[in-house]
N, C-alpha and C. Protein backbone atom coordinates (compact mmCIF):
# COMPACT_ATOMS: atom_id res chain seq x y z
N MET A 1 -3.62 54.45 -37.19
CA MET A 1 -3.45 54.20 -35.89
C MET A 1 -4.29 53.60 -35.02
N ALA A 2 -5.52 53.80 -34.97
CA ALA A 2 -6.50 52.50 -34.30
C ALA A 2 -6.57 50.97 -34.44
N LYS A 3 -5.99 50.84 -35.87
CA LYS A 3 -5.80 49.80 -36.03
C LYS A 3 -4.72 49.03 -35.84
N GLN A 4 -3.41 49.74 -35.32
CA GLN A 4 -2.22 49.31 -34.57
C GLN A 4 -2.60 49.61 -33.29
N ALA A 5 -3.51 49.73 -32.58
CA ALA A 5 -3.66 49.49 -31.23
C ALA A 5 -4.48 48.65 -30.91
N LYS A 6 -5.38 48.10 -31.89
CA LYS A 6 -6.35 47.10 -31.61
C LYS A 6 -5.43 45.81 -32.04
N LYS A 7 -4.51 45.50 -32.79
CA LYS A 7 -3.59 45.14 -32.99
C LYS A 7 -2.46 44.71 -31.65
N PHE A 8 -2.30 45.32 -31.02
CA PHE A 8 -1.35 45.42 -29.92
C PHE A 8 -2.30 44.78 -28.59
N GLN A 9 -3.20 45.63 -28.97
CA GLN A 9 -4.16 44.68 -28.07
C GLN A 9 -4.68 43.21 -27.95
N ARG A 10 -4.31 43.10 -29.52
CA ARG A 10 -4.88 41.74 -29.48
C ARG A 10 -3.29 40.72 -29.10
N ILE A 11 -2.22 41.49 -29.29
CA ILE A 11 -1.33 40.81 -29.08
C ILE A 11 -1.12 40.43 -27.66
N ILE A 12 -1.25 41.13 -26.83
CA ILE A 12 -1.23 41.32 -25.74
C ILE A 12 -2.54 40.00 -25.16
N LYS A 13 -3.77 39.99 -25.67
CA LYS A 13 -4.44 39.23 -24.88
C LYS A 13 -4.31 37.60 -25.60
N ASP A 14 -3.36 37.27 -26.17
CA ASP A 14 -3.09 36.15 -26.84
C ASP A 14 -1.50 36.20 -26.03
N LEU A 15 -0.73 37.00 -25.37
CA LEU A 15 0.09 36.47 -24.44
C LEU A 15 -0.50 36.39 -23.24
N GLU A 16 -1.60 36.67 -22.84
CA GLU A 16 -2.05 36.97 -21.65
C GLU A 16 -2.21 35.84 -21.24
N LEU A 17 -3.38 34.65 -22.56
CA LEU A 17 -3.94 33.17 -22.69
C LEU A 17 -2.79 32.45 -22.26
N GLN A 18 -1.19 32.66 -22.57
CA GLN A 18 -0.03 31.56 -22.61
C GLN A 18 0.26 31.65 -21.20
N VAL A 19 0.80 33.27 -20.73
CA VAL A 19 1.62 33.32 -19.71
C VAL A 19 0.94 33.89 -18.27
N GLY A 20 -0.40 34.24 -18.13
CA GLY A 20 -0.92 35.07 -17.52
C GLY A 20 -0.84 36.63 -18.32
N PRO A 21 -1.55 37.29 -16.33
CA PRO A 21 -1.91 38.59 -16.97
C PRO A 21 -0.17 39.39 -17.27
N VAL A 22 -0.43 40.62 -17.87
CA VAL A 22 0.73 41.05 -18.54
C VAL A 22 0.39 42.48 -17.46
N ILE A 23 1.54 42.52 -16.54
CA ILE A 23 1.03 43.97 -15.32
C ILE A 23 2.07 44.80 -15.86
N THR A 24 2.07 46.08 -15.89
CA THR A 24 2.87 47.14 -16.08
C THR A 24 3.10 48.63 -14.96
N GLY A 25 4.26 48.92 -15.02
CA GLY A 25 4.22 50.09 -13.47
C GLY A 25 4.92 49.72 -12.37
N GLY A 26 5.71 48.29 -12.60
CA GLY A 26 6.00 48.13 -11.24
C GLY A 26 5.78 46.69 -10.73
N SER A 27 6.13 45.91 -9.96
CA SER A 27 5.70 44.88 -9.73
C SER A 27 4.74 44.97 -8.75
N PRO A 28 3.66 44.37 -8.35
CA PRO A 28 2.60 43.83 -7.77
C PRO A 28 2.96 43.65 -6.72
N SER A 29 2.21 43.89 -5.56
CA SER A 29 2.48 43.18 -4.01
C SER A 29 2.06 41.88 -3.86
N THR A 30 2.55 41.39 -3.17
CA THR A 30 2.15 39.29 -2.98
C THR A 30 1.98 39.30 -1.72
N GLY A 31 0.98 38.50 -1.25
CA GLY A 31 0.77 38.17 0.26
C GLY A 31 1.80 36.59 0.32
N PRO A 32 1.78 36.18 1.49
CA PRO A 32 1.86 35.58 1.98
C PRO A 32 1.39 34.18 1.19
N VAL A 33 2.45 32.96 0.66
CA VAL A 33 2.01 31.71 -0.02
C VAL A 33 1.53 30.72 1.37
N PHE A 34 0.35 30.54 1.03
CA PHE A 34 0.06 29.23 1.33
C PHE A 34 0.13 27.92 0.78
N VAL A 35 0.69 26.88 1.57
CA VAL A 35 1.11 25.37 1.27
C VAL A 35 0.45 24.64 1.92
N ALA A 36 -0.45 23.09 1.02
CA ALA A 36 -0.89 22.37 1.66
C ALA A 36 -0.31 21.04 0.75
N VAL A 37 -0.07 20.32 1.74
CA VAL A 37 0.36 18.51 1.25
C VAL A 37 -0.68 17.88 1.41
N PHE A 38 -0.83 17.12 -0.21
CA PHE A 38 -1.78 16.50 -0.13
C PHE A 38 -1.19 15.01 -0.26
N GLY A 39 -1.71 14.06 -0.02
CA GLY A 39 -1.16 12.51 0.19
C GLY A 39 -2.46 11.59 0.76
N THR A 40 -1.76 10.14 0.48
CA THR A 40 -2.24 9.25 0.99
C THR A 40 -1.59 8.41 2.67
N PRO A 41 -2.72 8.52 3.35
CA PRO A 41 -2.05 8.22 4.73
C PRO A 41 -1.63 6.75 4.68
N GLN A 42 -0.90 6.14 5.86
CA GLN A 42 -0.70 4.60 5.77
C GLN A 42 -1.82 3.86 5.66
N GLY A 43 -2.14 2.76 4.73
CA GLY A 43 -3.48 2.01 5.17
C GLY A 43 -4.37 2.66 4.40
N ALA A 44 -4.56 3.75 3.86
CA ALA A 44 -5.95 4.78 3.40
C ALA A 44 -5.59 4.24 1.85
N SER A 45 -7.19 4.65 1.48
CA SER A 45 -6.83 4.36 -0.31
C SER A 45 -7.16 5.75 -0.90
N HIS A 46 -7.31 6.78 0.13
CA HIS A 46 -7.83 7.86 -1.09
C HIS A 46 -6.77 9.03 -0.32
N ALA A 47 -6.70 9.77 -1.24
CA ALA A 47 -5.36 11.03 -0.60
C ALA A 47 -6.35 12.04 -0.21
N GLU A 48 -5.68 12.44 0.68
CA GLU A 48 -6.23 13.49 1.89
C GLU A 48 -5.41 15.03 2.43
N VAL A 49 -5.18 15.82 2.89
CA VAL A 49 -4.82 16.84 3.20
C VAL A 49 -3.85 16.38 4.49
N LEU A 50 -2.36 16.32 4.18
CA LEU A 50 -1.69 15.83 5.19
C LEU A 50 -1.37 16.96 6.38
N GLY A 51 -1.07 17.94 5.89
CA GLY A 51 -1.06 19.08 6.55
C GLY A 51 -0.42 20.49 5.62
N SER A 52 0.29 21.05 6.05
CA SER A 52 0.79 22.58 5.81
C SER A 52 2.42 22.45 5.49
N ALA A 53 3.21 23.10 4.60
CA ALA A 53 4.42 23.45 4.46
C ALA A 53 4.98 24.70 3.89
N ASN A 54 6.08 24.70 4.45
CA ASN A 54 6.59 26.19 4.08
C ASN A 54 7.50 25.93 2.79
N LEU A 55 7.42 27.16 1.69
CA LEU A 55 7.99 27.40 0.58
C LEU A 55 9.44 27.78 0.58
N ILE A 56 10.65 26.85 0.83
CA ILE A 56 11.92 27.38 0.82
C ILE A 56 12.84 27.40 -0.40
N LYS A 57 12.47 26.55 -1.40
CA LYS A 57 13.21 27.18 -2.89
C LYS A 57 11.66 26.42 -3.58
N ASP A 58 11.76 27.13 -4.82
CA ASP A 58 10.86 26.78 -6.14
C ASP A 58 10.63 25.95 -6.56
N ASN A 59 11.14 24.45 -5.47
CA ASN A 59 10.76 23.01 -6.22
C ASN A 59 11.40 22.45 -4.83
N VAL A 60 10.95 22.77 -3.65
CA VAL A 60 10.97 22.21 -2.59
C VAL A 60 10.50 23.27 -1.16
N VAL A 61 9.35 22.36 -0.53
CA VAL A 61 8.85 22.83 0.38
C VAL A 61 9.57 21.83 1.85
N LEU A 62 9.52 22.51 2.87
CA LEU A 62 9.58 22.01 4.44
C LEU A 62 8.35 21.74 5.09
N GLY A 63 8.06 20.31 5.65
CA GLY A 63 6.94 20.00 5.89
C GLY A 63 6.66 20.82 7.55
N GLY A 64 5.59 21.43 7.57
CA GLY A 64 4.77 21.78 8.69
C GLY A 64 4.79 20.62 9.60
N PRO A 65 4.56 20.76 11.19
CA PRO A 65 4.36 19.84 12.06
C PRO A 65 3.63 18.76 12.16
N ASP A 66 1.91 19.58 11.12
CA ASP A 66 0.91 18.77 10.99
C ASP A 66 1.47 17.53 10.00
N THR A 67 2.02 17.58 8.66
CA THR A 67 2.65 17.17 7.73
C THR A 67 3.71 16.51 8.28
N VAL A 68 4.71 16.89 8.99
CA VAL A 68 5.81 15.91 9.35
C VAL A 68 5.06 14.61 10.36
N ALA A 69 3.80 15.09 11.21
CA ALA A 69 3.52 13.89 11.74
C ALA A 69 2.97 12.70 11.22
N ALA A 70 2.15 13.27 9.88
CA ALA A 70 1.68 12.23 8.83
C ALA A 70 2.46 11.97 8.45
N LEU A 71 3.95 12.03 7.67
CA LEU A 71 4.62 11.33 7.12
C LEU A 71 5.52 10.32 8.27
N LYS A 72 5.57 10.98 9.19
CA LYS A 72 6.23 9.73 10.22
C LYS A 72 5.62 8.65 10.71
N ALA A 73 4.46 8.61 10.53
CA ALA A 73 3.19 7.88 10.34
C ALA A 73 3.05 6.83 9.39
N GLY A 74 3.54 7.32 8.13
CA GLY A 74 3.71 6.31 6.97
C GLY A 74 2.88 6.84 5.65
N ALA A 75 2.27 8.24 5.92
CA ALA A 75 2.06 8.27 5.01
C ALA A 75 2.68 9.16 3.67
N THR A 76 2.04 9.20 2.69
CA THR A 76 2.87 9.13 1.33
C THR A 76 2.22 10.57 0.69
N PRO A 77 3.32 11.37 0.57
CA PRO A 77 2.58 12.87 -0.51
C PRO A 77 2.45 12.54 -1.82
N THR A 78 1.49 13.17 -2.31
CA THR A 78 1.44 12.81 -3.73
C THR A 78 1.86 14.37 -4.25
N MET A 79 0.87 15.37 -3.75
CA MET A 79 0.62 16.59 -4.59
C MET A 79 0.47 17.48 -3.47
N VAL A 80 1.23 18.80 -3.91
CA VAL A 80 1.52 20.15 -3.08
C VAL A 80 1.07 21.27 -3.53
N GLY A 81 0.01 21.97 -3.02
CA GLY A 81 -0.89 22.86 -3.35
C GLY A 81 -0.87 24.14 -2.66
N PHE A 82 -0.79 25.50 -3.83
CA PHE A 82 0.12 26.94 -3.40
C PHE A 82 -1.04 27.41 -3.52
N ALA A 83 -1.15 28.92 -2.77
CA ALA A 83 -2.42 30.04 -2.89
C ALA A 83 -1.74 30.73 -2.30
N TRP A 84 -1.99 32.43 -3.10
CA TRP A 84 -1.33 33.54 -2.71
C TRP A 84 -2.29 34.97 -3.08
N VAL A 85 -2.41 35.71 -3.06
CA VAL A 85 -2.75 37.18 -3.69
C VAL A 85 -1.47 37.74 -4.24
N ALA A 86 -2.05 38.10 -5.54
CA ALA A 86 -0.74 38.89 -6.25
C ALA A 86 -1.43 40.09 -6.74
N GLY A 87 -1.36 41.29 -5.98
CA GLY A 87 -1.94 42.79 -6.57
C GLY A 87 -3.44 42.43 -5.92
N ILE A 88 -4.32 42.13 -6.42
CA ILE A 88 -5.90 41.86 -6.35
C ILE A 88 -6.18 40.54 -6.98
N ASN A 89 -5.56 39.76 -7.74
CA ASN A 89 -5.43 39.02 -7.96
C ASN A 89 -5.39 37.38 -7.18
N ASN A 90 -6.29 36.60 -7.14
CA ASN A 90 -5.92 35.48 -6.88
C ASN A 90 -4.69 34.51 -7.10
N ARG A 91 -4.05 33.54 -6.75
CA ARG A 91 -3.11 32.81 -7.67
C ARG A 91 -3.54 31.44 -6.96
N THR A 92 -3.39 30.35 -7.42
CA THR A 92 -3.48 28.95 -7.15
C THR A 92 -2.52 28.02 -8.29
N GLN A 93 -1.80 27.04 -7.45
CA GLN A 93 -0.90 26.25 -8.41
C GLN A 93 -0.67 25.12 -7.42
N SER A 94 -0.96 23.93 -8.57
CA SER A 94 -0.47 22.48 -7.80
C SER A 94 0.97 21.99 -8.36
N ARG A 95 1.71 21.23 -7.91
CA ARG A 95 2.59 20.42 -8.34
C ARG A 95 2.67 18.81 -7.75
N SER A 96 2.86 17.99 -8.40
CA SER A 96 3.18 16.65 -8.20
C SER A 96 4.43 16.58 -7.35
N VAL A 97 4.68 15.40 -6.48
CA VAL A 97 5.69 14.89 -5.70
C VAL A 97 6.70 14.22 -6.74
N LYS A 98 7.58 14.92 -6.26
CA LYS A 98 8.96 14.01 -7.03
C LYS A 98 9.44 13.45 -5.81
N ASP A 99 9.77 13.54 -4.96
CA ASP A 99 10.33 12.72 -4.02
C ASP A 99 10.82 13.30 -2.10
N PHE A 100 10.36 12.56 -1.61
CA PHE A 100 10.66 13.39 -0.40
C PHE A 100 11.29 12.51 1.03
N GLY A 101 11.93 13.04 2.18
CA GLY A 101 12.24 12.43 2.96
C GLY A 101 12.52 13.36 3.92
N HIS A 102 12.95 12.25 5.14
CA HIS A 102 13.37 13.15 5.98
C HIS A 102 15.40 13.41 6.46
N ARG A 103 15.36 13.97 7.09
CA ARG A 103 16.76 14.70 7.20
C ARG A 103 17.96 13.54 7.23
N GLU A 104 18.75 13.89 5.79
CA GLU A 104 19.82 12.16 5.90
C GLU A 104 20.53 12.13 7.14
N GLY A 105 20.85 11.26 7.70
CA GLY A 105 21.46 10.79 9.44
C GLY A 105 20.56 10.91 10.01
N ASP A 106 19.72 11.27 10.15
CA ASP A 106 18.92 11.05 11.41
C ASP A 106 17.83 9.73 11.10
N ASP A 107 17.18 9.18 11.83
CA ASP A 107 16.32 8.00 11.74
C ASP A 107 15.36 8.73 11.80
N GLU A 108 13.68 7.94 11.16
CA GLU A 108 12.75 8.17 10.61
C GLU A 108 12.07 9.51 12.15
N THR A 109 12.36 9.26 12.92
CA THR A 109 12.07 10.47 13.82
C THR A 109 12.13 11.80 13.90
N SER A 110 13.09 11.62 12.77
CA SER A 110 13.44 13.44 12.53
C SER A 110 12.07 14.10 12.24
N ASP A 111 12.53 15.33 12.58
CA ASP A 111 11.06 16.43 12.75
C ASP A 111 11.18 17.20 10.99
N MET A 112 12.40 17.07 10.80
CA MET A 112 12.61 17.97 9.18
C MET A 112 12.38 16.89 8.35
N TRP A 113 11.32 17.18 7.44
CA TRP A 113 11.30 16.46 6.26
C TRP A 113 11.08 17.58 4.92
N ALA A 114 11.79 17.18 3.75
CA ALA A 114 11.62 17.88 2.63
C ALA A 114 10.54 16.97 1.91
N ILE A 115 10.15 18.39 0.79
CA ILE A 115 9.44 17.55 -0.02
C ILE A 115 9.85 17.92 -1.67
N GLU A 116 10.38 17.25 -2.54
CA GLU A 116 10.88 18.13 -4.00
C GLU A 116 9.56 17.95 -4.95
N LEU A 117 9.47 18.77 -5.36
CA LEU A 117 8.40 19.10 -6.38
C LEU A 117 8.80 18.52 -7.74
N SER A 118 8.20 18.09 -8.62
CA SER A 118 8.56 17.74 -9.91
C SER A 118 8.31 18.63 -11.02
N SER A 119 8.01 19.66 -10.38
CA SER A 119 8.47 20.77 -11.39
C SER A 119 8.46 21.95 -10.94
N ALA A 120 9.08 23.26 -10.93
CA ALA A 120 8.98 24.43 -10.01
C ALA A 120 7.95 25.23 -10.11
N THR A 121 7.18 26.04 -9.07
CA THR A 121 6.51 26.58 -8.75
C THR A 121 6.65 28.23 -9.11
N THR A 122 5.81 28.48 -9.78
CA THR A 122 5.98 30.21 -9.72
C THR A 122 5.49 31.25 -8.45
N ALA A 123 5.12 30.65 -7.45
CA ALA A 123 4.56 31.31 -6.37
C ALA A 123 6.13 32.02 -5.75
N PRO A 124 5.79 32.91 -5.11
CA PRO A 124 6.68 34.08 -4.81
C PRO A 124 7.07 33.37 -3.52
N LEU A 125 8.82 33.11 -3.70
CA LEU A 125 9.96 32.86 -2.80
C LEU A 125 9.90 33.68 -1.81
N PRO A 126 9.56 33.20 -0.19
CA PRO A 126 9.72 34.09 0.70
C PRO A 126 11.08 34.87 1.26
N SER A 127 11.37 36.05 1.38
CA SER A 127 12.84 36.89 1.19
C SER A 127 13.56 36.27 1.97
N SER A 128 14.77 36.50 1.19
CA SER A 128 15.97 35.75 2.04
C SER A 128 17.13 37.06 2.18
N ASN A 129 17.84 36.69 3.42
CA ASN A 129 18.41 37.70 3.74
C ASN A 129 19.93 37.24 3.77
N MET A 130 19.93 36.42 2.99
CA MET A 130 21.47 35.86 2.38
C MET A 130 22.76 36.66 2.29
N PRO A 131 23.86 36.42 2.94
CA PRO A 131 25.07 37.32 2.56
C PRO A 131 25.70 37.32 0.81
N ASP A 132 26.16 38.23 0.63
CA ASP A 132 26.43 37.92 -0.95
C ASP A 132 27.03 36.90 -1.18
N GLY A 133 27.08 36.39 -2.48
CA GLY A 133 27.93 35.03 -2.47
C GLY A 133 27.36 33.81 -1.95
N ALA A 134 26.50 34.00 -0.86
CA ALA A 134 25.87 32.61 -0.69
C ALA A 134 25.02 31.77 -1.60
N SER A 135 24.81 30.58 -1.44
CA SER A 135 24.28 29.89 -2.28
C SER A 135 23.21 29.07 -1.79
N PRO A 136 22.21 29.39 -2.14
CA PRO A 136 20.85 28.89 -0.99
C PRO A 136 20.79 27.38 -1.44
N ALA A 137 20.93 26.50 -2.43
CA ALA A 137 21.05 25.14 -2.73
C ALA A 137 21.78 24.40 -1.73
N SER A 138 23.03 24.90 -1.57
CA SER A 138 24.40 24.24 -0.80
C SER A 138 23.91 24.11 0.63
N ALA A 139 22.83 24.40 1.09
CA ALA A 139 22.78 24.61 3.04
C ALA A 139 21.62 23.41 2.64
N TRP A 140 20.72 23.32 1.65
CA TRP A 140 19.74 22.77 1.61
C TRP A 140 20.58 20.99 1.22
N CYS A 141 21.48 20.74 0.54
CA CYS A 141 21.80 19.84 -0.24
C CYS A 141 22.91 19.30 0.85
N PHE A 142 23.36 19.75 2.15
CA PHE A 142 23.71 19.88 2.92
C PHE A 142 22.93 18.98 4.25
N LEU A 143 21.78 19.32 4.05
CA LEU A 143 20.54 19.00 4.87
C LEU A 143 20.02 17.93 4.40
N PHE A 144 19.78 17.67 3.33
CA PHE A 144 18.70 16.69 2.01
C PHE A 144 19.75 16.42 0.87
N PRO A 145 20.85 15.48 1.31
CA PRO A 145 21.63 15.39 -0.24
C PRO A 145 21.14 14.60 -1.08
N TRP A 146 19.85 14.20 -1.00
CA TRP A 146 19.03 13.12 -1.65
C TRP A 146 18.28 13.80 -2.71
N LEU A 147 18.45 15.22 -2.67
CA LEU A 147 17.42 15.88 -3.58
C LEU A 147 17.93 15.95 -5.06
N SER A 148 17.21 15.96 -5.90
CA SER A 148 18.05 15.83 -7.48
C SER A 148 18.64 17.31 -7.65
N MET A 149 18.09 18.02 -6.88
CA MET A 149 18.99 19.34 -7.69
C MET A 149 20.82 19.45 -6.78
N CYS A 150 20.77 18.21 -6.11
CA CYS A 150 21.96 18.37 -5.44
C CYS A 150 22.82 17.29 -6.25
N HIS A 151 22.33 16.56 -7.27
CA HIS A 151 22.73 15.77 -8.51
C HIS A 151 23.53 16.25 -9.58
N LYS A 152 23.04 17.53 -9.78
CA LYS A 152 22.82 18.03 -11.41
C LYS A 152 24.60 18.49 -11.46
N ASN A 153 25.55 17.89 -12.24
CA ASN A 153 26.69 19.11 -12.72
C ASN A 153 26.48 19.95 -13.92
């Protein structure tokens, strides 16, 4: 019996190395997700923090005021960093930028800029109070039709 318990513990340890901690007994509480946008300002030769953003979908963030100001000034975002607390553990991730742009139909002075990630983050999404049957992608595709998720068949 003790042999089986050790074997099971080894299997769990191997699994945790691949996918992260295995948590039992319900989902852990998570705190807010902090999002930082990194990129290269126009005319600069190195990347720096452009500002903050809000996670709106697992592969799209919406630039905060400081990020919008940098993007309007010609900065190019290159990476987005995420940080949050899950249970008692700190979690961090980074994702490269696939595409970015302002709200379609507006000029470049638009205050609504979206940044599409090259791969989805596993950071917890903000809770949504959407009515049954609503599609979260449809609204973002209406505002940002250039997002690649809007072109999938």
